[in-house]
mmCIF file of all heavy atoms, coordinates in Angstrom:
data_MODEL
# 
_entry.id   MODEL 
# 
loop_
_atom_site.group_PDB 
_atom_site.id 
_atom_site.type_symbol 
_atom_site.label_atom_id 
_atom_site.label_alt_id 
_atom_site.label_comp_id 
_atom_site.label_asym_id 
_atom_site.label_entity_id 
_atom_site.label_seq_id 
_atom_site.pdbx_PDB_ins_code 
_atom_site.Cartn_x 
_atom_site.Cartn_y 
_atom_site.Cartn_z 
_atom_site.occupancy 
_atom_site.B_iso_or_equiv 
_atom_site.pdbx_formal_charge 
_atom_site.auth_seq_id 
_atom_site.auth_comp_id 
_atom_site.auth_asym_id 
_atom_site.auth_atom_id 
_atom_site.pdbx_PDB_model_num 
ATOM 1   N N   . VAL A 1 1  ? 69.267 13.116 -64.506 1.00 0.00 ? 1  VAL A N   1 
ATOM 2   C CA  . VAL A 1 1  ? 68.846 12.854 -63.157 1.00 0.00 ? 1  VAL A CA  1 
ATOM 3   C C   . VAL A 1 1  ? 69.919 12.055 -62.403 1.00 0.00 ? 1  VAL A C   1 
ATOM 4   O O   . VAL A 1 1  ? 70.192 12.305 -61.246 1.00 0.00 ? 1  VAL A O   1 
ATOM 5   C CB  . VAL A 1 1  ? 67.588 11.880 -63.271 1.00 0.00 ? 1  VAL A CB  1 
ATOM 6   C CG1 . VAL A 1 1  ? 67.270 11.197 -61.907 1.00 0.00 ? 1  VAL A CG1 1 
ATOM 7   C CG2 . VAL A 1 1  ? 66.408 12.706 -63.737 1.00 0.00 ? 1  VAL A CG2 1 
ATOM 8   N N   . MET A 1 2  ? 70.729 11.191 -63.066 1.00 0.00 ? 2  MET A N   1 
ATOM 9   C CA  . MET A 1 2  ? 71.778 10.529 -62.489 1.00 0.00 ? 2  MET A CA  1 
ATOM 10  C C   . MET A 1 2  ? 72.867 11.466 -62.039 1.00 0.00 ? 2  MET A C   1 
ATOM 11  O O   . MET A 1 2  ? 73.458 11.263 -60.947 1.00 0.00 ? 2  MET A O   1 
ATOM 12  C CB  . MET A 1 2  ? 72.276 9.350  -63.354 1.00 0.00 ? 2  MET A CB  1 
ATOM 13  C CG  . MET A 1 2  ? 71.366 8.221  -63.576 1.00 0.00 ? 2  MET A CG  1 
ATOM 14  S SD  . MET A 1 2  ? 70.558 7.585  -62.090 1.00 0.00 ? 2  MET A SD  1 
ATOM 15  C CE  . MET A 1 2  ? 72.043 6.866  -61.305 1.00 0.00 ? 2  MET A CE  1 
ATOM 16  N N   . THR A 1 3  ? 73.189 12.420 -62.802 1.00 0.00 ? 3  THR A N   1 
ATOM 17  C CA  . THR A 1 3  ? 74.117 13.483 -62.462 1.00 0.00 ? 3  THR A CA  1 
ATOM 18  C C   . THR A 1 3  ? 73.722 14.150 -61.173 1.00 0.00 ? 3  THR A C   1 
ATOM 19  O O   . THR A 1 3  ? 74.517 14.423 -60.234 1.00 0.00 ? 3  THR A O   1 
ATOM 20  C CB  . THR A 1 3  ? 74.311 14.448 -63.564 1.00 0.00 ? 3  THR A CB  1 
ATOM 21  O OG1 . THR A 1 3  ? 74.812 13.776 -64.672 1.00 0.00 ? 3  THR A OG1 1 
ATOM 22  C CG2 . THR A 1 3  ? 75.389 15.558 -63.215 1.00 0.00 ? 3  THR A CG2 1 
ATOM 23  N N   . THR A 1 4  ? 72.429 14.582 -61.104 1.00 0.00 ? 4  THR A N   1 
ATOM 24  C CA  . THR A 1 4  ? 71.941 15.268 -59.912 1.00 0.00 ? 4  THR A CA  1 
ATOM 25  C C   . THR A 1 4  ? 71.955 14.351 -58.676 1.00 0.00 ? 4  THR A C   1 
ATOM 26  O O   . THR A 1 4  ? 72.355 14.732 -57.667 1.00 0.00 ? 4  THR A O   1 
ATOM 27  C CB  . THR A 1 4  ? 70.477 15.739 -60.185 1.00 0.00 ? 4  THR A CB  1 
ATOM 28  O OG1 . THR A 1 4  ? 70.379 16.484 -61.411 1.00 0.00 ? 4  THR A OG1 1 
ATOM 29  C CG2 . THR A 1 4  ? 69.893 16.440 -59.054 1.00 0.00 ? 4  THR A CG2 1 
ATOM 30  N N   . VAL A 1 5  ? 71.582 13.074 -58.879 1.00 0.00 ? 5  VAL A N   1 
ATOM 31  C CA  . VAL A 1 5  ? 71.586 12.149 -57.734 1.00 0.00 ? 5  VAL A CA  1 
ATOM 32  C C   . VAL A 1 5  ? 73.012 11.975 -57.181 1.00 0.00 ? 5  VAL A C   1 
ATOM 33  O O   . VAL A 1 5  ? 73.225 11.896 -55.976 1.00 0.00 ? 5  VAL A O   1 
ATOM 34  C CB  . VAL A 1 5  ? 71.025 10.790 -58.235 1.00 0.00 ? 5  VAL A CB  1 
ATOM 35  C CG1 . VAL A 1 5  ? 71.256 9.683  -57.183 1.00 0.00 ? 5  VAL A CG1 1 
ATOM 36  C CG2 . VAL A 1 5  ? 69.501 10.895 -58.446 1.00 0.00 ? 5  VAL A CG2 1 
ATOM 37  N N   . THR A 1 6  ? 73.931 11.870 -58.093 1.00 0.00 ? 6  THR A N   1 
ATOM 38  C CA  . THR A 1 6  ? 75.387 11.713 -57.697 1.00 0.00 ? 6  THR A CA  1 
ATOM 39  C C   . THR A 1 6  ? 75.855 12.991 -56.890 1.00 0.00 ? 6  THR A C   1 
ATOM 40  O O   . THR A 1 6  ? 76.522 12.758 -55.925 1.00 0.00 ? 6  THR A O   1 
ATOM 41  C CB  . THR A 1 6  ? 76.337 11.549 -58.954 1.00 0.00 ? 6  THR A CB  1 
ATOM 42  O OG1 . THR A 1 6  ? 75.869 10.348 -59.632 1.00 0.00 ? 6  THR A OG1 1 
ATOM 43  C CG2 . THR A 1 6  ? 77.791 11.404 -58.551 1.00 0.00 ? 6  THR A CG2 1 
ATOM 44  N N   . THR A 1 7  ? 75.486 14.130 -57.428 1.00 0.00 ? 7  THR A N   1 
ATOM 45  C CA  . THR A 1 7  ? 75.917 15.355 -56.682 1.00 0.00 ? 7  THR A CA  1 
ATOM 46  C C   . THR A 1 7  ? 75.166 15.395 -55.261 1.00 0.00 ? 7  THR A C   1 
ATOM 47  O O   . THR A 1 7  ? 75.885 15.787 -54.352 1.00 0.00 ? 7  THR A O   1 
ATOM 48  C CB  . THR A 1 7  ? 75.328 16.620 -57.520 1.00 0.00 ? 7  THR A CB  1 
ATOM 49  O OG1 . THR A 1 7  ? 75.951 16.594 -58.799 1.00 0.00 ? 7  THR A OG1 1 
ATOM 50  C CG2 . THR A 1 7  ? 75.754 17.936 -56.764 1.00 0.00 ? 7  THR A CG2 1 
ATOM 51  N N   . ILE A 1 8  ? 73.916 15.077 -55.280 1.00 0.00 ? 8  ILE A N   1 
ATOM 52  C CA  . ILE A 1 8  ? 73.272 15.091 -53.901 1.00 0.00 ? 8  ILE A CA  1 
ATOM 53  C C   . ILE A 1 8  ? 73.898 14.021 -52.992 1.00 0.00 ? 8  ILE A C   1 
ATOM 54  O O   . ILE A 1 8  ? 74.119 14.293 -51.750 1.00 0.00 ? 8  ILE A O   1 
ATOM 55  C CB  . ILE A 1 8  ? 71.742 14.747 -54.151 1.00 0.00 ? 8  ILE A CB  1 
ATOM 56  C CG1 . ILE A 1 8  ? 71.056 15.948 -54.819 1.00 0.00 ? 8  ILE A CG1 1 
ATOM 57  C CG2 . ILE A 1 8  ? 71.025 14.440 -52.721 1.00 0.00 ? 8  ILE A CG2 1 
ATOM 58  C CD1 . ILE A 1 8  ? 69.619 15.722 -55.228 1.00 0.00 ? 8  ILE A CD1 1 
ATOM 59  N N   . LYS A 1 9  ? 74.314 12.841 -53.423 1.00 0.00 ? 9  LYS A N   1 
ATOM 60  C CA  . LYS A 1 9  ? 74.921 11.895 -52.643 1.00 0.00 ? 9  LYS A CA  1 
ATOM 61  C C   . LYS A 1 9  ? 76.176 12.351 -52.145 1.00 0.00 ? 9  LYS A C   1 
ATOM 62  O O   . LYS A 1 9  ? 76.572 12.097 -50.998 1.00 0.00 ? 9  LYS A O   1 
ATOM 63  C CB  . LYS A 1 9  ? 75.012 10.524 -53.430 1.00 0.00 ? 9  LYS A CB  1 
ATOM 64  C CG  . LYS A 1 9  ? 75.555 9.435  -52.612 1.00 0.00 ? 9  LYS A CG  1 
ATOM 65  C CD  . LYS A 1 9  ? 75.628 8.072  -53.421 1.00 0.00 ? 9  LYS A CD  1 
ATOM 66  C CE  . LYS A 1 9  ? 76.142 6.898  -52.703 1.00 0.00 ? 9  LYS A CE  1 
ATOM 67  N NZ  . LYS A 1 9  ? 77.140 7.151  -51.621 1.00 0.00 ? 9  LYS A NZ  1 
ATOM 68  N N   . GLU A 1 10 ? 77.009 12.980 -53.018 1.00 0.00 ? 10 GLU A N   1 
ATOM 69  C CA  . GLU A 1 10 ? 78.305 13.511 -52.642 1.00 0.00 ? 10 GLU A CA  1 
ATOM 70  C C   . GLU A 1 10 ? 78.125 14.519 -51.523 1.00 0.00 ? 10 GLU A C   1 
ATOM 71  O O   . GLU A 1 10 ? 78.864 14.470 -50.550 1.00 0.00 ? 10 GLU A O   1 
ATOM 72  C CB  . GLU A 1 10 ? 79.064 14.038 -53.784 1.00 0.00 ? 10 GLU A CB  1 
ATOM 73  C CG  . GLU A 1 10 ? 79.599 12.997 -54.796 1.00 0.00 ? 10 GLU A CG  1 
ATOM 74  C CD  . GLU A 1 10 ? 80.124 13.585 -56.110 1.00 0.00 ? 10 GLU A CD  1 
ATOM 75  O OE1 . GLU A 1 10 ? 80.035 14.812 -56.226 1.00 0.00 ? 10 GLU A OE1 1 
ATOM 76  O OE2 . GLU A 1 10 ? 80.643 12.848 -56.793 1.00 0.00 ? 10 GLU A OE2 1 
ATOM 77  N N   . ASN A 1 11 ? 77.166 15.418 -51.684 1.00 0.00 ? 11 ASN A N   1 
ATOM 78  C CA  . ASN A 1 11 ? 76.875 16.400 -50.642 1.00 0.00 ? 11 ASN A CA  1 
ATOM 79  C C   . ASN A 1 11 ? 76.480 15.853 -49.339 1.00 0.00 ? 11 ASN A C   1 
ATOM 80  O O   . ASN A 1 11 ? 76.933 16.232 -48.305 1.00 0.00 ? 11 ASN A O   1 
ATOM 81  C CB  . ASN A 1 11 ? 75.859 17.343 -51.095 1.00 0.00 ? 11 ASN A CB  1 
ATOM 82  C CG  . ASN A 1 11 ? 76.463 18.357 -52.208 1.00 0.00 ? 11 ASN A CG  1 
ATOM 83  O OD1 . ASN A 1 11 ? 77.656 18.505 -52.280 1.00 0.00 ? 11 ASN A OD1 1 
ATOM 84  N ND2 . ASN A 1 11 ? 75.564 18.924 -53.030 1.00 0.00 ? 11 ASN A ND2 1 
ATOM 85  N N   . ALA A 1 12 ? 75.698 14.732 -49.435 1.00 0.00 ? 12 ALA A N   1 
ATOM 86  C CA  . ALA A 1 12 ? 75.194 14.136 -48.213 1.00 0.00 ? 12 ALA A CA  1 
ATOM 87  C C   . ALA A 1 12 ? 76.308 13.317 -47.503 1.00 0.00 ? 12 ALA A C   1 
ATOM 88  O O   . ALA A 1 12 ? 76.434 13.434 -46.310 1.00 0.00 ? 12 ALA A O   1 
ATOM 89  C CB  . ALA A 1 12 ? 74.118 13.004 -48.571 1.00 0.00 ? 12 ALA A CB  1 
ATOM 90  N N   . ASP A 1 13 ? 77.307 12.780 -48.281 1.00 0.00 ? 13 ASP A N   1 
ATOM 91  C CA  . ASP A 1 13 ? 78.423 12.203 -47.699 1.00 0.00 ? 13 ASP A CA  1 
ATOM 92  C C   . ASP A 1 13 ? 79.334 13.206 -46.958 1.00 0.00 ? 13 ASP A C   1 
ATOM 93  O O   . ASP A 1 13 ? 79.897 12.883 -45.893 1.00 0.00 ? 13 ASP A O   1 
ATOM 94  C CB  . ASP A 1 13 ? 79.209 11.392 -48.770 1.00 0.00 ? 13 ASP A CB  1 
ATOM 95  C CG  . ASP A 1 13 ? 78.523 10.144 -49.252 1.00 0.00 ? 13 ASP A CG  1 
ATOM 96  O OD1 . ASP A 1 13 ? 77.590 9.594  -48.594 1.00 0.00 ? 13 ASP A OD1 1 
ATOM 97  O OD2 . ASP A 1 13 ? 78.929 9.647  -50.356 1.00 0.00 ? 13 ASP A OD2 1 
ATOM 98  N N   . ASP A 1 14 ? 79.455 14.350 -47.532 1.00 0.00 ? 14 ASP A N   1 
ATOM 99  C CA  . ASP A 1 14 ? 80.310 15.442 -46.941 1.00 0.00 ? 14 ASP A CA  1 
ATOM 100 C C   . ASP A 1 14 ? 79.674 15.907 -45.709 1.00 0.00 ? 14 ASP A C   1 
ATOM 101 O O   . ASP A 1 14 ? 80.221 16.061 -44.709 1.00 0.00 ? 14 ASP A O   1 
ATOM 102 C CB  . ASP A 1 14 ? 80.450 16.649 -47.910 1.00 0.00 ? 14 ASP A CB  1 
ATOM 103 C CG  . ASP A 1 14 ? 81.271 16.329 -49.114 1.00 0.00 ? 14 ASP A CG  1 
ATOM 104 O OD1 . ASP A 1 14 ? 82.056 15.253 -49.071 1.00 0.00 ? 14 ASP A OD1 1 
ATOM 105 O OD2 . ASP A 1 14 ? 81.275 17.101 -50.101 1.00 0.00 ? 14 ASP A OD2 1 
ATOM 106 N N   . ILE A 1 15 ? 78.306 16.016 -45.675 1.00 0.00 ? 15 ILE A N   1 
ATOM 107 C CA  . ILE A 1 15 ? 77.495 16.482 -44.495 1.00 0.00 ? 15 ILE A CA  1 
ATOM 108 C C   . ILE A 1 15 ? 77.715 15.448 -43.447 1.00 0.00 ? 15 ILE A C   1 
ATOM 109 O O   . ILE A 1 15 ? 77.910 15.741 -42.247 1.00 0.00 ? 15 ILE A O   1 
ATOM 110 C CB  . ILE A 1 15 ? 76.079 16.700 -44.797 1.00 0.00 ? 15 ILE A CB  1 
ATOM 111 C CG1 . ILE A 1 15 ? 75.979 17.964 -45.760 1.00 0.00 ? 15 ILE A CG1 1 
ATOM 112 C CG2 . ILE A 1 15 ? 75.263 16.850 -43.604 1.00 0.00 ? 15 ILE A CG2 1 
ATOM 113 C CD1 . ILE A 1 15 ? 74.601 18.173 -46.328 1.00 0.00 ? 15 ILE A CD1 1 
ATOM 114 N N   . LEU A 1 16 ? 77.565 14.184 -43.716 1.00 0.00 ? 16 LEU A N   1 
ATOM 115 C CA  . LEU A 1 16 ? 77.740 13.013 -42.778 1.00 0.00 ? 16 LEU A CA  1 
ATOM 116 C C   . LEU A 1 16 ? 79.136 13.116 -42.156 1.00 0.00 ? 16 LEU A C   1 
ATOM 117 O O   . LEU A 1 16 ? 79.324 13.015 -40.902 1.00 0.00 ? 16 LEU A O   1 
ATOM 118 C CB  . LEU A 1 16 ? 77.401 11.709 -43.406 1.00 0.00 ? 16 LEU A CB  1 
ATOM 119 C CG  . LEU A 1 16 ? 77.526 10.513 -42.500 1.00 0.00 ? 16 LEU A CG  1 
ATOM 120 C CD1 . LEU A 1 16 ? 76.568 10.588 -41.342 1.00 0.00 ? 16 LEU A CD1 1 
ATOM 121 C CD2 . LEU A 1 16 ? 77.301 9.263  -43.259 1.00 0.00 ? 16 LEU A CD2 1 
ATOM 122 N N   . ALA A 1 17 ? 80.147 13.221 -42.953 1.00 0.00 ? 17 ALA A N   1 
ATOM 123 C CA  . ALA A 1 17 ? 81.494 13.284 -42.536 1.00 0.00 ? 17 ALA A CA  1 
ATOM 124 C C   . ALA A 1 17 ? 81.671 14.412 -41.504 1.00 0.00 ? 17 ALA A C   1 
ATOM 125 O O   . ALA A 1 17 ? 82.352 14.308 -40.513 1.00 0.00 ? 17 ALA A O   1 
ATOM 126 C CB  . ALA A 1 17 ? 82.533 13.360 -43.662 1.00 0.00 ? 17 ALA A CB  1 
ATOM 127 N N   . ASP A 1 18 ? 81.238 15.691 -41.891 1.00 0.00 ? 18 ASP A N   1 
ATOM 128 C CA  . ASP A 1 18 ? 81.341 16.838 -41.020 1.00 0.00 ? 18 ASP A CA  1 
ATOM 129 C C   . ASP A 1 18 ? 80.646 16.699 -39.701 1.00 0.00 ? 18 ASP A C   1 
ATOM 130 O O   . ASP A 1 18 ? 81.086 17.003 -38.691 1.00 0.00 ? 18 ASP A O   1 
ATOM 131 C CB  . ASP A 1 18 ? 80.830 18.083 -41.798 1.00 0.00 ? 18 ASP A CB  1 
ATOM 132 C CG  . ASP A 1 18 ? 81.695 18.506 -42.924 1.00 0.00 ? 18 ASP A CG  1 
ATOM 133 O OD1 . ASP A 1 18 ? 82.859 18.109 -42.950 1.00 0.00 ? 18 ASP A OD1 1 
ATOM 134 O OD2 . ASP A 1 18 ? 81.164 19.338 -43.793 1.00 0.00 ? 18 ASP A OD2 1 
ATOM 135 N N   . ALA A 1 19 ? 79.436 16.002 -39.827 1.00 0.00 ? 19 ALA A N   1 
ATOM 136 C CA  . ALA A 1 19 ? 78.683 15.753 -38.566 1.00 0.00 ? 19 ALA A CA  1 
ATOM 137 C C   . ALA A 1 19 ? 79.347 14.780 -37.597 1.00 0.00 ? 19 ALA A C   1 
ATOM 138 O O   . ALA A 1 19 ? 79.462 15.085 -36.457 1.00 0.00 ? 19 ALA A O   1 
ATOM 139 C CB  . ALA A 1 19 ? 77.273 15.171 -38.946 1.00 0.00 ? 19 ALA A CB  1 
ATOM 140 N N   . LYS A 1 20 ? 80.010 13.773 -38.223 1.00 0.00 ? 20 LYS A N   1 
ATOM 141 C CA  . LYS A 1 20 ? 80.767 12.862 -37.340 1.00 0.00 ? 20 LYS A CA  1 
ATOM 142 C C   . LYS A 1 20 ? 81.948 13.538 -36.698 1.00 0.00 ? 20 LYS A C   1 
ATOM 143 O O   . LYS A 1 20 ? 82.282 13.272 -35.627 1.00 0.00 ? 20 LYS A O   1 
ATOM 144 C CB  . LYS A 1 20 ? 81.190 11.632 -38.255 1.00 0.00 ? 20 LYS A CB  1 
ATOM 145 C CG  . LYS A 1 20 ? 80.055 10.682 -38.571 1.00 0.00 ? 20 LYS A CG  1 
ATOM 146 C CD  . LYS A 1 20 ? 80.631 9.496  -39.353 1.00 0.00 ? 20 LYS A CD  1 
ATOM 147 C CE  . LYS A 1 20 ? 79.518 8.540  -39.678 1.00 0.00 ? 20 LYS A CE  1 
ATOM 148 N NZ  . LYS A 1 20 ? 79.918 7.374  -40.434 1.00 0.00 ? 20 LYS A NZ  1 
ATOM 149 N N   . GLU A 1 21 ? 82.595 14.423 -37.562 1.00 0.00 ? 21 GLU A N   1 
ATOM 150 C CA  . GLU A 1 21 ? 83.755 15.140 -36.973 1.00 0.00 ? 21 GLU A CA  1 
ATOM 151 C C   . GLU A 1 21 ? 83.281 16.115 -35.805 1.00 0.00 ? 21 GLU A C   1 
ATOM 152 O O   . GLU A 1 21 ? 83.913 16.143 -34.768 1.00 0.00 ? 21 GLU A O   1 
ATOM 153 C CB  . GLU A 1 21 ? 84.381 16.030 -38.104 1.00 0.00 ? 21 GLU A CB  1 
ATOM 154 C CG  . GLU A 1 21 ? 85.648 16.748 -37.743 1.00 0.00 ? 21 GLU A CG  1 
ATOM 155 C CD  . GLU A 1 21 ? 86.190 17.447 -38.845 1.00 0.00 ? 21 GLU A CD  1 
ATOM 156 O OE1 . GLU A 1 21 ? 86.115 17.068 -39.928 1.00 0.00 ? 21 GLU A OE1 1 
ATOM 157 O OE2 . GLU A 1 21 ? 86.787 18.567 -38.585 1.00 0.00 ? 21 GLU A OE2 1 
ATOM 158 N N   . ILE A 1 22 ? 82.154 16.739 -35.933 1.00 0.00 ? 22 ILE A N   1 
ATOM 159 C CA  . ILE A 1 22 ? 81.720 17.601 -34.946 1.00 0.00 ? 22 ILE A CA  1 
ATOM 160 C C   . ILE A 1 22 ? 81.339 16.820 -33.690 1.00 0.00 ? 22 ILE A C   1 
ATOM 161 O O   . ILE A 1 22 ? 81.700 17.222 -32.536 1.00 0.00 ? 22 ILE A O   1 
ATOM 162 C CB  . ILE A 1 22 ? 80.423 18.392 -35.404 1.00 0.00 ? 22 ILE A CB  1 
ATOM 163 C CG1 . ILE A 1 22 ? 80.790 19.422 -36.398 1.00 0.00 ? 22 ILE A CG1 1 
ATOM 164 C CG2 . ILE A 1 22 ? 79.624 19.132 -34.240 1.00 0.00 ? 22 ILE A CG2 1 
ATOM 165 C CD1 . ILE A 1 22 ? 79.598 20.069 -37.161 1.00 0.00 ? 22 ILE A CD1 1 
ATOM 166 N N   . ASN A 1 23 ? 80.716 15.702 -33.887 1.00 0.00 ? 23 ASN A N   1 
ATOM 167 C CA  . ASN A 1 23 ? 80.371 14.841 -32.659 1.00 0.00 ? 23 ASN A CA  1 
ATOM 168 C C   . ASN A 1 23 ? 81.655 14.275 -31.975 1.00 0.00 ? 23 ASN A C   1 
ATOM 169 O O   . ASN A 1 23 ? 81.697 14.310 -30.765 1.00 0.00 ? 23 ASN A O   1 
ATOM 170 C CB  . ASN A 1 23 ? 79.482 13.732 -33.020 1.00 0.00 ? 23 ASN A CB  1 
ATOM 171 C CG  . ASN A 1 23 ? 78.027 14.146 -33.268 1.00 0.00 ? 23 ASN A CG  1 
ATOM 172 O OD1 . ASN A 1 23 ? 77.664 15.218 -32.782 1.00 0.00 ? 23 ASN A OD1 1 
ATOM 173 N ND2 . ASN A 1 23 ? 77.324 13.366 -34.042 1.00 0.00 ? 23 ASN A ND2 1 
ATOM 174 N N   . ALA A 1 24 ? 82.703 13.932 -32.692 1.00 0.00 ? 24 ALA A N   1 
ATOM 175 C CA  . ALA A 1 24 ? 83.905 13.521 -32.147 1.00 0.00 ? 24 ALA A CA  1 
ATOM 176 C C   . ALA A 1 24 ? 84.625 14.605 -31.362 1.00 0.00 ? 24 ALA A C   1 
ATOM 177 O O   . ALA A 1 24 ? 85.069 14.349 -30.241 1.00 0.00 ? 24 ALA A O   1 
ATOM 178 C CB  . ALA A 1 24 ? 84.836 13.008 -33.230 1.00 0.00 ? 24 ALA A CB  1 
ATOM 179 N N   . LYS A 1 25 ? 84.620 15.892 -31.826 1.00 0.00 ? 25 LYS A N   1 
ATOM 180 C CA  . LYS A 1 25 ? 85.108 17.012 -31.160 1.00 0.00 ? 25 LYS A CA  1 
ATOM 181 C C   . LYS A 1 25 ? 84.400 17.231 -29.824 1.00 0.00 ? 25 LYS A C   1 
ATOM 182 O O   . LYS A 1 25 ? 84.983 17.400 -28.741 1.00 0.00 ? 25 LYS A O   1 
ATOM 183 C CB  . LYS A 1 25 ? 85.139 18.122 -31.951 1.00 0.00 ? 25 LYS A CB  1 
ATOM 184 C CG  . LYS A 1 25 ? 86.203 18.237 -33.102 1.00 0.00 ? 25 LYS A CG  1 
ATOM 185 C CD  . LYS A 1 25 ? 86.145 19.514 -33.893 1.00 0.00 ? 25 LYS A CD  1 
ATOM 186 C CE  . LYS A 1 25 ? 87.153 19.507 -35.040 1.00 0.00 ? 25 LYS A CE  1 
ATOM 187 N NZ  . LYS A 1 25 ? 87.059 20.632 -35.850 1.00 0.00 ? 25 LYS A NZ  1 
ATOM 188 N N   . ARG A 1 26 ? 83.068 17.154 -29.960 1.00 0.00 ? 26 ARG A N   1 
ATOM 189 C CA  . ARG A 1 26 ? 82.215 17.403 -28.740 1.00 0.00 ? 26 ARG A CA  1 
ATOM 190 C C   . ARG A 1 26 ? 82.531 16.298 -27.700 1.00 0.00 ? 26 ARG A C   1 
ATOM 191 O O   . ARG A 1 26 ? 82.656 16.556 -26.539 1.00 0.00 ? 26 ARG A O   1 
ATOM 192 C CB  . ARG A 1 26 ? 80.688 17.391 -29.029 1.00 0.00 ? 26 ARG A CB  1 
ATOM 193 C CG  . ARG A 1 26 ? 80.273 18.705 -29.709 1.00 0.00 ? 26 ARG A CG  1 
ATOM 194 C CD  . ARG A 1 26 ? 78.845 18.575 -29.886 1.00 0.00 ? 26 ARG A CD  1 
ATOM 195 N NE  . ARG A 1 26 ? 78.164 19.185 -28.715 1.00 0.00 ? 26 ARG A NE  1 
ATOM 196 C CZ  . ARG A 1 26 ? 76.907 19.383 -28.676 1.00 0.00 ? 26 ARG A CZ  1 
ATOM 197 N NH1 . ARG A 1 26 ? 76.074 19.120 -29.699 1.00 0.00 ? 26 ARG A NH1 1 
ATOM 198 N NH2 . ARG A 1 26 ? 76.303 19.930 -27.607 1.00 0.00 ? 26 ARG A NH2 1 
# 
């Protein structure tokens, strides 16, 4: 479960960083 949670958290962090980058470009 902790491995899965870590993977999900890393993916969420990547998504957040990409979203911030998109908003900065816009």
